[in-house]
Structures are given as structure tokens and as C-alpha cells.
Amino acid sequence: MIYTSGYYFLSVGSMVSVLSLFQAKPPVKPDPPRVTMVWPWVVNPVGKHKLILRGQNLDAVQSAQLETSGMPMALAIEGKAASAPLPDGMDGKLFGSQILTLETGILAGTPVGDKQIVLTGKNQEKAKAVVEVTTSPLTPEKEPNNDLDQAQEIIKLPCRLLGTIEKKQDVDCFRIDLKQGQTVEVRLTSRGRGSVLDPLITIQAPDGSIRQKAVPKPGAMDLVVIHTAKNTGPVCIVVQDSFDSGSQSHAYDALISIIK
């Protein structure tokens, strides 16, 4: 037997057999599901909730459950994952190009705080996402609220708003009443929870004059605006995308509080 150049030559009488050695390739593992955003990412423990997950390879999800202090809660998967292209040429691989809808059971008795959603794929690969459970009241944004004349009135503070900049050049306007010298804080979360919103907040008088404007500091996940009223009367808090972009994934969570 002679070995040369990766071949074995075997001679049996006048016959020569050539055997080539091939290294078997390892099986290719499928890409696991990946979640980039859950909306809404905060829910009350009252009633059932629909959760829309954005991500990649969500069509491979076979089951989902919510981890609680007791037994994990199975989450219902509504239909198949759907394609959801992002606007303005955003990278679908980075931000996710599929959405999948889950439904929770009743969350009564679930302790407050962040809870994990665990997704299981076809080959038992796992993906995780986070949803917050809170007993604080949540106020959904209500359309139309696209200009100061249609601003959604917020009567009771603190108020935690859940909203979406749904399309290009969309703005969400909220009206609150302040007394002279009162200080209001607006704490907006978007990118820290996977939203593609690049937030811009302006605080305006009812006549449209701008009292304050703010965008996140470089590297910051939240946008915090603090404004002190010079006069007694209404002001409008206006939320929009810095680049006038918008989609279902331009979501935000804004906590409005009087801090002084």
C-alpha cells in the first residue's frame, strides 16, 4: 500500500483500486429565532394581551412561554410569522424583518418586573425576549393627535404613555396643564427596547412656539426632557422621529411626571 497526494493505491494482482478519502462536513445548524423588539414591552396584569414580536427566523418558532414565579405560562402563537419590511432601507437582518403575534393568558397575580419570553425553534434552539409587567396605569396613544389642535389631553399625572410613530411625518401631540414654576419630566424609552424610533421631543405653547427641544445624547438609550413652566397654562409635548420616518416598529414608552 502506497500513500501519495491524499490517495491510497491498493494493488491486488493486476487490478489497482484507488480510494479517495473525504472528510465529512458537519451538518449545518439552522439559524435560531432572534427577537429584536416586543410591542407592547410593558403590560398590566389585567386581562389578556397580544404581543407583537419583531425579529429574524421567527417562522421557525414552534412554541412560546412566559416565565413567571410559578409555572411557566404557555403563549398562543397566532398564525405564521409575517414579513414586515422596514422603511427607509433599514437593515432587516439587524432590526428584524419578520413579525410574530403571541397572546398571553390572564396575568393576574404575576409579580411586577421584567419577565422573559422563551421561544423554542424547530430544533429546540431557544430565543429570549423581555416584557415588563406593571401595576401602574398605562395610557395608549389615541389618534388623531397629529397637531396641537388635536393634542391628546392628559389630565392625571404621572402618566405612562404607549405610542407609535406609524408613518412618515407622523407626530404625536399630548397636552398637559402646568402651574407657574412647576417642573415636568418626560422620560421616553425607545431604542433601549429595540424600537427603531430616533426620538425628538419638543415642548410647545398652544400657539406653536417652541419652549424646549431635545434629542438623545450620543449613546443614550433613553431621552429625558425636564421643563419648568414660566406661566400657568397648557403646554404640548410633541413626539416624532428625528428623520420624519415612521412604521409599526417606531414605538415608544413615555413617562410624564411632575417632579417639582
C-alpha atoms as a PDB file:
ATOM      1  CA  MET A   1       0.000   0.000   0.000  1.00  0.00           C
ATOM      2  CA  ILE A   2       1.382   3.384  -1.054  1.00  0.00           C
ATOM      3  CA  TYR A   3       0.126   6.778   0.185  1.00  0.00           C
ATOM      4  CA  THR A   4       0.668   9.803  -2.040  1.00  0.00           C
ATOM      5  CA  SER A   5      -1.132  13.119  -2.525  1.00  0.00           C
ATOM      6  CA  GLY A   6      -4.103  12.110  -0.422  1.00  0.00           C
ATOM      7  CA  TYR A   7      -4.796   8.784  -2.217  1.00  0.00           C
ATOM      8  CA  TYR A   8      -4.262   5.144  -1.273  1.00  0.00           C
ATOM      9  CA  PHE A   9      -3.217   2.786  -4.077  1.00  0.00           C
ATOM     10  CA  LEU A  10      -4.010  -0.855  -3.433  1.00  0.00           C
ATOM     11  CA  SER A  11      -2.655  -3.460  -5.850  1.00  0.00           C
ATOM     12  CA  VAL A  12      -4.321  -6.859  -5.978  1.00  0.00           C
ATOM     13  CA  GLY A  13      -2.810  -8.937  -8.753  1.00  0.00           C
ATOM     14  CA  SER A  14      -3.223  -6.916 -11.959  1.00  0.00           C
ATOM     15  CA  MET A  15      -6.039  -4.695 -10.565  1.00  0.00           C
ATOM     16  CA  VAL A  16      -5.490  -1.335  -8.930  1.00  0.00           C
ATOM     17  CA  SER A  17      -8.113   0.315  -6.772  1.00  0.00           C
ATOM     18  CA  VAL A  18      -7.976   3.978  -5.917  1.00  0.00           C
ATOM     19  CA  LEU A  19      -9.656   5.116  -2.748  1.00  0.00           C
ATOM     20  CA  SER A  20     -10.108   8.803  -2.105  1.00  0.00           C
ATOM     21  CA  LEU A  21     -10.529   9.999   1.446  1.00  0.00           C
ATOM     22  CA  PHE A  22     -13.107  12.717   2.035  1.00  0.00           C
ATOM     23  CA  GLN A  23     -13.698  14.452   5.307  1.00  0.00           C
ATOM     24  CA  ALA A  24     -17.426  14.565   6.116  1.00  0.00           C
ATOM     25  CA  LYS A  25     -18.800  18.089   6.526  1.00  0.00           C
ATOM     26  CA  PRO A  26     -20.602  18.787   9.798  1.00  0.00           C
ATOM     27  CA  PRO A  27     -24.351  19.325   9.431  1.00  0.00           C
ATOM     28  CA  VAL A  28     -25.361  22.948   9.037  1.00  0.00           C
ATOM     29  CA  LYS A  29     -27.329  24.117  12.056  1.00  0.00           C
ATOM     30  CA  PRO A  30     -30.316  26.339  11.259  1.00  0.00           C
ATOM     31  CA  ASP A  31     -30.168  29.899  12.465  1.00  0.00           C
ATOM     32  CA  PRO A  32     -32.114  30.189  15.735  1.00  0.00           C
ATOM     33  CA  PRO A  33     -35.007  32.612  16.137  1.00  0.00           C
ATOM     34  CA  ARG A  34     -33.957  36.099  17.213  1.00  0.00           C
ATOM     35  CA  VAL A  35     -36.156  38.811  18.730  1.00  0.00           C
ATOM     36  CA  THR A  36     -35.277  42.494  18.313  1.00  0.00           C
ATOM     37  CA  MET A  37     -38.427  44.085  19.791  1.00  0.00           C
ATOM     38  CA  VAL A  38     -41.602  43.188  21.681  1.00  0.00           C
ATOM     39  CA  TRP A  39     -44.592  45.522  21.449  1.00  0.00           C
ATOM     40  CA  PRO A  40     -46.002  46.470  23.820  1.00  0.00           C
ATOM     41  CA  TRP A  41     -42.983  45.841  26.008  1.00  0.00           C
ATOM     42  CA  VAL A  42     -44.949  46.743  29.138  1.00  0.00           C
ATOM     43  CA  VAL A  43     -48.373  45.386  30.149  1.00  0.00           C
ATOM     44  CA  ASN A  44     -50.734  45.437  33.116  1.00  0.00           C
ATOM     45  CA  PRO A  45     -51.542  42.119  34.849  1.00  0.00           C
ATOM     46  CA  VAL A  46     -55.231  42.569  33.997  1.00  0.00           C
ATOM     47  CA  GLY A  47     -56.710  40.576  31.126  1.00  0.00           C
ATOM     48  CA  LYS A  48     -55.042  39.003  28.119  1.00  0.00           C
ATOM     49  CA  HIS A  49     -52.569  40.748  25.847  1.00  0.00           C
ATOM     50  CA  LYS A  50     -51.389  40.476  22.262  1.00  0.00           C
ATOM     51  CA  LEU A  51     -47.631  40.825  21.935  1.00  0.00           C
ATOM     52  CA  ILE A  52     -46.088  41.551  18.545  1.00  0.00           C
ATOM     53  CA  LEU A  53     -42.532  40.270  18.232  1.00  0.00           C
ATOM     54  CA  ARG A  54     -40.171  41.580  15.572  1.00  0.00           C
ATOM     55  CA  GLY A  55     -37.045  39.674  14.660  1.00  0.00           C
ATOM     56  CA  GLN A  56     -35.438  37.119  12.379  1.00  0.00           C
ATOM     57  CA  ASN A  57     -36.248  33.446  11.708  1.00  0.00           C
ATOM     58  CA  LEU A  58     -39.498  33.754  13.650  1.00  0.00           C
ATOM     59  CA  ASP A  59     -41.131  31.346  11.201  1.00  0.00           C
ATOM     60  CA  ALA A  60     -39.085  28.614  12.921  1.00  0.00           C
ATOM     61  CA  VAL A  61     -40.803  29.176  16.288  1.00  0.00           C
ATOM     62  CA  GLN A  62     -42.748  26.129  17.427  1.00  0.00           C
ATOM     63  CA  SER A  63     -43.750  27.190  20.945  1.00  0.00           C
ATOM     64  CA  ALA A  64     -43.534  30.130  23.339  1.00  0.00           C
ATOM     65  CA  GLN A  65     -43.885  30.559  27.065  1.00  0.00           C
ATOM     66  CA  LEU A  66     -43.714  33.327  29.642  1.00  0.00           C
ATOM     67  CA  GLU A  67     -41.551  32.678  32.677  1.00  0.00           C
ATOM     68  CA  THR A  68     -43.300  33.577  35.915  1.00  0.00           C
ATOM     69  CA  SER A  69     -42.630  32.846  39.575  1.00  0.00           C
ATOM     70  CA  GLY A  70     -44.963  29.861  39.323  1.00  0.00           C
ATOM     71  CA  MET A  71     -45.395  27.508  36.389  1.00  0.00           C
ATOM     72  CA  PRO A  72     -44.356  28.943  33.012  1.00  0.00           C
ATOM     73  CA  MET A  73     -47.343  30.234  31.052  1.00  0.00           C
ATOM     74  CA  ALA A  74     -47.782  28.879  27.535  1.00  0.00           C
ATOM     75  CA  LEU A  75     -48.316  31.671  24.991  1.00  0.00           C
ATOM     76  CA  ALA A  76     -50.565  31.138  21.996  1.00  0.00           C
ATOM     77  CA  ILE A  77     -48.950  31.677  18.588  1.00  0.00           C
ATOM     78  CA  GLU A  78     -51.332  33.433  16.212  1.00  0.00           C
ATOM     79  CA  GLY A  79     -50.728  32.204  12.680  1.00  0.00           C
ATOM     80  CA  LYS A  80     -47.371  32.178  10.930  1.00  0.00           C
ATOM     81  CA  ALA A  81     -44.644  34.774  11.070  1.00  0.00           C
ATOM     82  CA  ALA A  82     -45.246  37.519   8.532  1.00  0.00           C
ATOM     83  CA  SER A  83     -42.786  39.569   6.532  1.00  0.00           C
ATOM     84  CA  ALA A  84     -42.503  43.138   7.768  1.00  0.00           C
ATOM     85  CA  PRO A  85     -40.045  45.221   5.742  1.00  0.00           C
ATOM     86  CA  LEU A  86     -38.584  48.242   7.458  1.00  0.00           C
ATOM     87  CA  PRO A  87     -38.850  51.730   5.963  1.00  0.00           C
ATOM     88  CA  ASP A  88     -36.079  53.860   4.540  1.00  0.00           C
ATOM     89  CA  GLY A  89     -33.840  50.944   3.631  1.00  0.00           C
ATOM     90  CA  MET A  90     -33.183  49.893   7.231  1.00  0.00           C
ATOM     91  CA  ASP A  91     -31.252  46.637   7.582  1.00  0.00           C
ATOM     92  CA  GLY A  92     -33.731  43.810   8.143  1.00  0.00           C
ATOM     93  CA  LYS A  93     -31.008  41.475   9.413  1.00  0.00           C
ATOM     94  CA  LEU A  94     -30.098  43.982  12.080  1.00  0.00           C
ATOM     95  CA  PHE A  95     -33.552  45.208  13.116  1.00  0.00           C
ATOM     96  CA  GLY A  96     -35.612  42.160  12.104  1.00  0.00           C
ATOM     97  CA  SER A  97     -37.787  41.672   9.032  1.00  0.00           C
ATOM     98  CA  GLN A  98     -40.455  39.319  10.428  1.00  0.00           C
ATOM     99  CA  ILE A  99     -43.224  39.743  12.974  1.00  0.00           C
ATOM    100  CA  LEU A 100     -44.969  37.107  15.047  1.00  0.00           C
ATOM    101  CA  THR A 101     -48.006  37.669  17.261  1.00  0.00           C
ATOM    102  CA  LEU A 102     -48.389  35.950  20.625  1.00  0.00           C
ATOM    103  CA  GLU A 103     -51.302  36.055  23.066  1.00  0.00           C
ATOM    104  CA  THR A 104     -50.884  35.804  26.821  1.00  0.00           C
ATOM    105  CA  GLY A 105     -53.297  34.344  29.294  1.00  0.00           C
ATOM    106  CA  ILE A 106     -54.601  36.440  32.181  1.00  0.00           C
ATOM    107  CA  LEU A 107     -51.616  37.758  34.151  1.00  0.00           C
ATOM    108  CA  ALA A 108     -53.439  38.457  37.422  1.00  0.00           C
ATOM    109  CA  GLY A 109     -51.177  37.705  40.362  1.00  0.00           C
ATOM    110  CA  THR A 110     -47.995  37.917  38.298  1.00  0.00           C
ATOM    111  CA  PRO A 111     -45.336  39.854  40.253  1.00  0.00           C
ATOM    112  CA  VAL A 112     -44.296  43.147  38.688  1.00  0.00           C
ATOM    113  CA  GLY A 113     -40.982  43.458  36.873  1.00  0.00           C
ATOM    114  CA  ASP A 114     -39.312  42.158  33.733  1.00  0.00           C
ATOM    115  CA  LYS A 115     -40.381  38.688  32.606  1.00  0.00           C
ATOM    116  CA  GLN A 116     -38.744  36.522  29.974  1.00  0.00           C
ATOM    117  CA  ILE A 117     -40.492  35.169  26.917  1.00  0.00           C
ATOM    118  CA  VAL A 118     -38.799  31.953  25.784  1.00  0.00           C
ATOM    119  CA  LEU A 119     -39.242  30.856  22.170  1.00  0.00           C
ATOM    120  CA  THR A 120     -38.393  27.326  21.031  1.00  0.00           C
ATOM    121  CA  GLY A 121     -37.489  26.616  17.407  1.00  0.00           C
ATOM    122  CA  LYS A 122     -37.799  23.512  15.247  1.00  0.00           C
ATOM    123  CA  ASN A 123     -34.566  22.008  16.528  1.00  0.00           C
ATOM    124  CA  GLN A 124     -35.070  23.039  20.155  1.00  0.00           C
ATOM    125  CA  GLU A 125     -32.944  26.167  19.733  1.00  0.00           C
ATOM    126  CA  LYS A 126     -34.009  28.937  22.111  1.00  0.00           C
ATOM    127  CA  ALA A 127     -34.541  32.672  21.839  1.00  0.00           C
ATOM    128  CA  LYS A 128     -35.490  35.050  24.625  1.00  0.00           C
ATOM    129  CA  ALA A 129     -37.223  38.410  24.887  1.00  0.00           C
ATOM    130  CA  VAL A 130     -38.384  40.612  27.757  1.00  0.00           C
ATOM    131  CA  VAL A 131     -41.782  42.062  28.647  1.00  0.00           C
ATOM    132  CA  GLU A 132     -42.408  44.190  31.724  1.00  0.00           C
ATOM    133  CA  VAL A 133     -45.415  43.657  33.992  1.00  0.00           C
ATOM    134  CA  THR A 134     -46.512  46.739  35.929  1.00  0.00           C
ATOM    135  CA  THR A 135     -49.485  47.711  38.078  1.00  0.00           C
ATOM    136  CA  SER A 136     -49.055  51.388  37.125  1.00  0.00           C
ATOM    137  CA  PRO A 137     -51.764  52.686  34.771  1.00  0.00           C
ATOM    138  CA  LEU A 138     -50.843  52.629  31.089  1.00  0.00           C
ATOM    139  CA  THR A 139     -52.326  55.155  28.649  1.00  0.00           C
ATOM    140  CA  PRO A 140     -52.383  54.246  24.948  1.00  0.00           C
ATOM    141  CA  GLU A 141     -51.813  56.973  22.421  1.00  0.00           C
ATOM    142  CA  LYS A 142     -55.048  57.826  20.591  1.00  0.00           C
ATOM    143  CA  GLU A 143     -55.279  59.106  17.044  1.00  0.00           C
ATOM    144  CA  PRO A 144     -55.918  61.652  15.700  1.00  0.00           C
ATOM    145  CA  ASN A 145     -53.323  63.599  17.657  1.00  0.00           C
ATOM    146  CA  ASN A 146     -51.232  64.865  14.773  1.00  0.00           C
ATOM    147  CA  ASP A 147     -51.306  68.586  15.536  1.00  0.00           C
ATOM    148  CA  LEU A 148     -51.675  70.903  18.500  1.00  0.00           C
ATOM    149  CA  ASP A 149     -55.414  71.416  17.906  1.00  0.00           C
ATOM    150  CA  GLN A 150     -55.930  67.641  18.182  1.00  0.00           C
ATOM    151  CA  ALA A 151     -53.490  67.064  21.042  1.00  0.00           C
ATOM    152  CA  GLN A 152     -54.472  64.188  23.326  1.00  0.00           C
ATOM    153  CA  GLU A 153     -55.303  65.670  26.721  1.00  0.00           C
ATOM    154  CA  ILE A 154     -53.519  64.158  29.713  1.00  0.00           C
ATOM    155  CA  ILE A 155     -55.383  65.067  32.883  1.00  0.00           C
ATOM    156  CA  LYS A 156     -53.760  62.948  35.563  1.00  0.00           C
ATOM    157  CA  LEU A 157     -50.017  62.795  36.190  1.00  0.00           C
ATOM    158  CA  PRO A 158     -47.866  60.768  36.415  1.00  0.00           C
ATOM    159  CA  CYS A 159     -48.901  59.189  33.132  1.00  0.00           C
ATOM    160  CA  ARG A 160     -47.165  56.405  31.234  1.00  0.00           C
ATOM    161  CA  LEU A 161     -47.912  56.640  27.513  1.00  0.00           C
ATOM    162  CA  LEU A 162     -47.517  53.875  24.941  1.00  0.00           C
ATOM    163  CA  GLY A 163     -47.370  55.170  21.380  1.00  0.00           C
ATOM    164  CA  THR A 164     -46.143  54.587  17.841  1.00  0.00           C
ATOM    165  CA  ILE A 165     -44.978  56.953  15.120  1.00  0.00           C
ATOM    166  CA  GLU A 166     -46.836  54.970  12.498  1.00  0.00           C
ATOM    167  CA  LYS A 167     -45.791  56.628   9.239  1.00  0.00           C
ATOM    168  CA  LYS A 168     -43.517  59.230   7.723  1.00  0.00           C
ATOM    169  CA  GLN A 169     -44.004  62.762   9.077  1.00  0.00           C
ATOM    170  CA  ASP A 170     -46.338  61.492  11.805  1.00  0.00           C
ATOM    171  CA  VAL A 171     -46.268  63.366  15.117  1.00  0.00           C
ATOM    172  CA  ASP A 172     -47.976  62.589  18.426  1.00  0.00           C
ATOM    173  CA  CYS A 173     -49.161  65.567  20.467  1.00  0.00           C
ATOM    174  CA  PHE A 174     -50.125  65.486  24.151  1.00  0.00           C
ATOM    175  CA  ARG A 175     -51.489  68.386  26.187  1.00  0.00           C
ATOM    176  CA  ILE A 176     -50.949  68.906  29.914  1.00  0.00           C
ATOM    177  CA  ASP A 177     -51.715  71.830  32.236  1.00  0.00           C
ATOM    178  CA  LEU A 178     -48.943  73.294  34.376  1.00  0.00           C
ATOM    179  CA  LYS A 179     -48.840  75.926  37.067  1.00  0.00           C
ATOM    180  CA  GLN A 180     -46.190  78.612  37.051  1.00  0.00           C
ATOM    181  CA  GLY A 181     -42.956  77.203  38.474  1.00  0.00           C
ATOM    182  CA  GLN A 182     -43.992  73.537  38.125  1.00  0.00           C
ATOM    183  CA  THR A 183     -41.391  71.258  36.578  1.00  0.00           C
ATOM    184  CA  VAL A 184     -42.401  68.372  34.333  1.00  0.00           C
ATOM    185  CA  GLU A 185     -40.138  65.471  33.357  1.00  0.00           C
ATOM    186  CA  VAL A 186     -40.681  63.416  30.198  1.00  0.00           C
ATOM    187  CA  ARG A 187     -38.715  60.149  30.164  1.00  0.00           C
ATOM    188  CA  LEU A 188     -39.025  58.408  26.806  1.00  0.00           C
ATOM    189  CA  THR A 189     -37.817  54.873  26.067  1.00  0.00           C
ATOM    190  CA  SER A 190     -37.481  53.579  22.515  1.00  0.00           C
ATOM    191  CA  ARG A 191     -34.097  52.331  21.295  1.00  0.00           C
ATOM    192  CA  GLY A 192     -33.333  50.693  24.641  1.00  0.00           C
ATOM    193  CA  ARG A 193     -36.198  48.290  23.951  1.00  0.00           C
ATOM    194  CA  GLY A 194     -35.388  47.632  20.306  1.00  0.00           C
ATOM    195  CA  SER A 195     -37.557  50.328  18.720  1.00  0.00           C
ATOM    196  CA  VAL A 196     -36.160  51.926  15.563  1.00  0.00           C
ATOM    197  CA  LEU A 197     -37.512  55.332  16.609  1.00  0.00           C
ATOM    198  CA  ASP A 198     -34.887  58.081  16.689  1.00  0.00           C
ATOM    199  CA  PRO A 199     -36.875  60.306  19.044  1.00  0.00           C
ATOM    200  CA  LEU A 200     -37.280  64.048  19.032  1.00  0.00           C
ATOM    201  CA  ILE A 201     -39.352  65.807  21.703  1.00  0.00           C
ATOM    202  CA  THR A 202     -40.480  69.397  21.582  1.00  0.00           C
ATOM    203  CA  ILE A 203     -42.431  71.199  24.287  1.00  0.00           C
ATOM    204  CA  GLN A 204     -44.612  73.867  22.738  1.00  0.00           C
ATOM    205  CA  ALA A 205     -47.108  76.505  23.731  1.00  0.00           C
ATOM    206  CA  PRO A 206     -50.620  76.115  22.261  1.00  0.00           C
ATOM    207  CA  ASP A 207     -49.745  78.761  19.646  1.00  0.00           C
ATOM    208  CA  GLY A 208     -46.892  76.550  18.371  1.00  0.00           C
ATOM    209  CA  SER A 209     -43.988  78.490  19.825  1.00  0.00           C
ATOM    210  CA  ILE A 210     -41.250  76.116  20.964  1.00  0.00           C
ATOM    211  CA  ARG A 211     -40.307  76.219  24.623  1.00  0.00           C
ATOM    212  CA  GLN A 212     -37.812  73.354  24.506  1.00  0.00           C
ATOM    213  CA  LYS A 213     -36.430  70.757  22.074  1.00  0.00           C
ATOM    214  CA  ALA A 214     -34.406  67.631  22.827  1.00  0.00           C
ATOM    215  CA  VAL A 215     -32.892  64.530  21.208  1.00  0.00           C
ATOM    216  CA  PRO A 216     -30.993  61.724  22.981  1.00  0.00           C
ATOM    217  CA  LYS A 217     -27.378  62.279  23.909  1.00  0.00           C
ATOM    218  CA  PRO A 218     -24.891  60.158  21.904  1.00  0.00           C
ATOM    219  CA  GLY A 219     -25.042  56.566  23.093  1.00  0.00           C
ATOM    220  CA  ALA A 220     -28.054  57.162  25.348  1.00  0.00           C
ATOM    221  CA  MET A 221     -30.916  54.686  25.255  1.00  0.00           C
ATOM    222  CA  ASP A 222     -33.496  56.990  26.866  1.00  0.00           C
ATOM    223  CA  LEU A 223     -34.461  60.589  26.175  1.00  0.00           C
ATOM    224  CA  VAL A 224     -35.139  62.713  29.254  1.00  0.00           C
ATOM    225  CA  VAL A 225     -36.603  66.227  28.987  1.00  0.00           C
ATOM    226  CA  ILE A 226     -37.142  68.491  32.004  1.00  0.00           C
ATOM    227  CA  HIS A 227     -39.175  71.679  31.587  1.00  0.00           C
ATOM    228  CA  THR A 228     -40.188  74.333  34.108  1.00  0.00           C
ATOM    229  CA  ALA A 229     -43.300  76.372  33.310  1.00  0.00           C
ATOM    230  CA  LYS A 230     -42.801  80.131  33.215  1.00  0.00           C
ATOM    231  CA  ASN A 231     -46.544  80.709  33.187  1.00  0.00           C
ATOM    232  CA  THR A 232     -49.679  78.915  34.301  1.00  0.00           C
ATOM    233  CA  GLY A 233     -51.470  77.205  31.427  1.00  0.00           C
ATOM    234  CA  PRO A 234     -51.314  74.344  28.940  1.00  0.00           C
ATOM    235  CA  VAL A 235     -48.247  73.078  27.119  1.00  0.00           C
ATOM    236  CA  CYS A 236     -47.995  70.433  24.408  1.00  0.00           C
ATOM    237  CA  ILE A 237     -45.485  67.593  24.394  1.00  0.00           C
ATOM    238  CA  VAL A 238     -44.771  66.565  20.800  1.00  0.00           C
ATOM    239  CA  VAL A 239     -43.084  63.248  19.962  1.00  0.00           C
ATOM    240  CA  GLN A 240     -41.735  62.479  16.485  1.00  0.00           C
ATOM    241  CA  ASP A 241     -38.888  60.765  14.649  1.00  0.00           C
ATOM    242  CA  SER A 242     -35.822  62.940  14.100  1.00  0.00           C
ATOM    243  CA  PHE A 243     -35.732  61.921  10.431  1.00  0.00           C
ATOM    244  CA  ASP A 244     -39.524  62.040   9.898  1.00  0.00           C
ATOM    245  CA  SER A 245     -39.553  58.265   9.477  1.00  0.00           C
ATOM    246  CA  GLY A 246     -42.287  56.006  10.824  1.00  0.00           C
ATOM    247  CA  SER A 247     -43.610  52.432  10.979  1.00  0.00           C
ATOM    248  CA  GLN A 248     -45.143  49.965  13.435  1.00  0.00           C
ATOM    249  CA  SER A 249     -41.627  49.496  14.818  1.00  0.00           C
ATOM    250  CA  HIS A 250     -41.226  53.213  15.675  1.00  0.00           C
ATOM    251  CA  ALA A 251     -42.674  52.591  19.131  1.00  0.00           C
ATOM    252  CA  TYR A 252     -42.092  54.422  22.403  1.00  0.00           C
ATOM    253  CA  ASP A 253     -42.953  54.429  26.084  1.00  0.00           C
ATOM    254  CA  ALA A 254     -43.082  57.878  27.706  1.00  0.00           C
ATOM    255  CA  LEU A 255     -43.428  58.533  31.433  1.00  0.00           C
ATOM    256  CA  ILE A 256     -44.645  62.093  32.169  1.00  0.00           C
ATOM    257  CA  SER A 257     -44.275  63.232  35.779  1.00  0.00           C
ATOM    258  CA  ILE A 258     -44.362  66.419  37.858  1.00  0.00           C
ATOM    259  CA  ILE A 259     -41.073  66.418  39.761  1.00  0.00           C
ATOM    260  CA  LYS A 260     -41.244  69.851  41.388  1.00  0.00           C
END
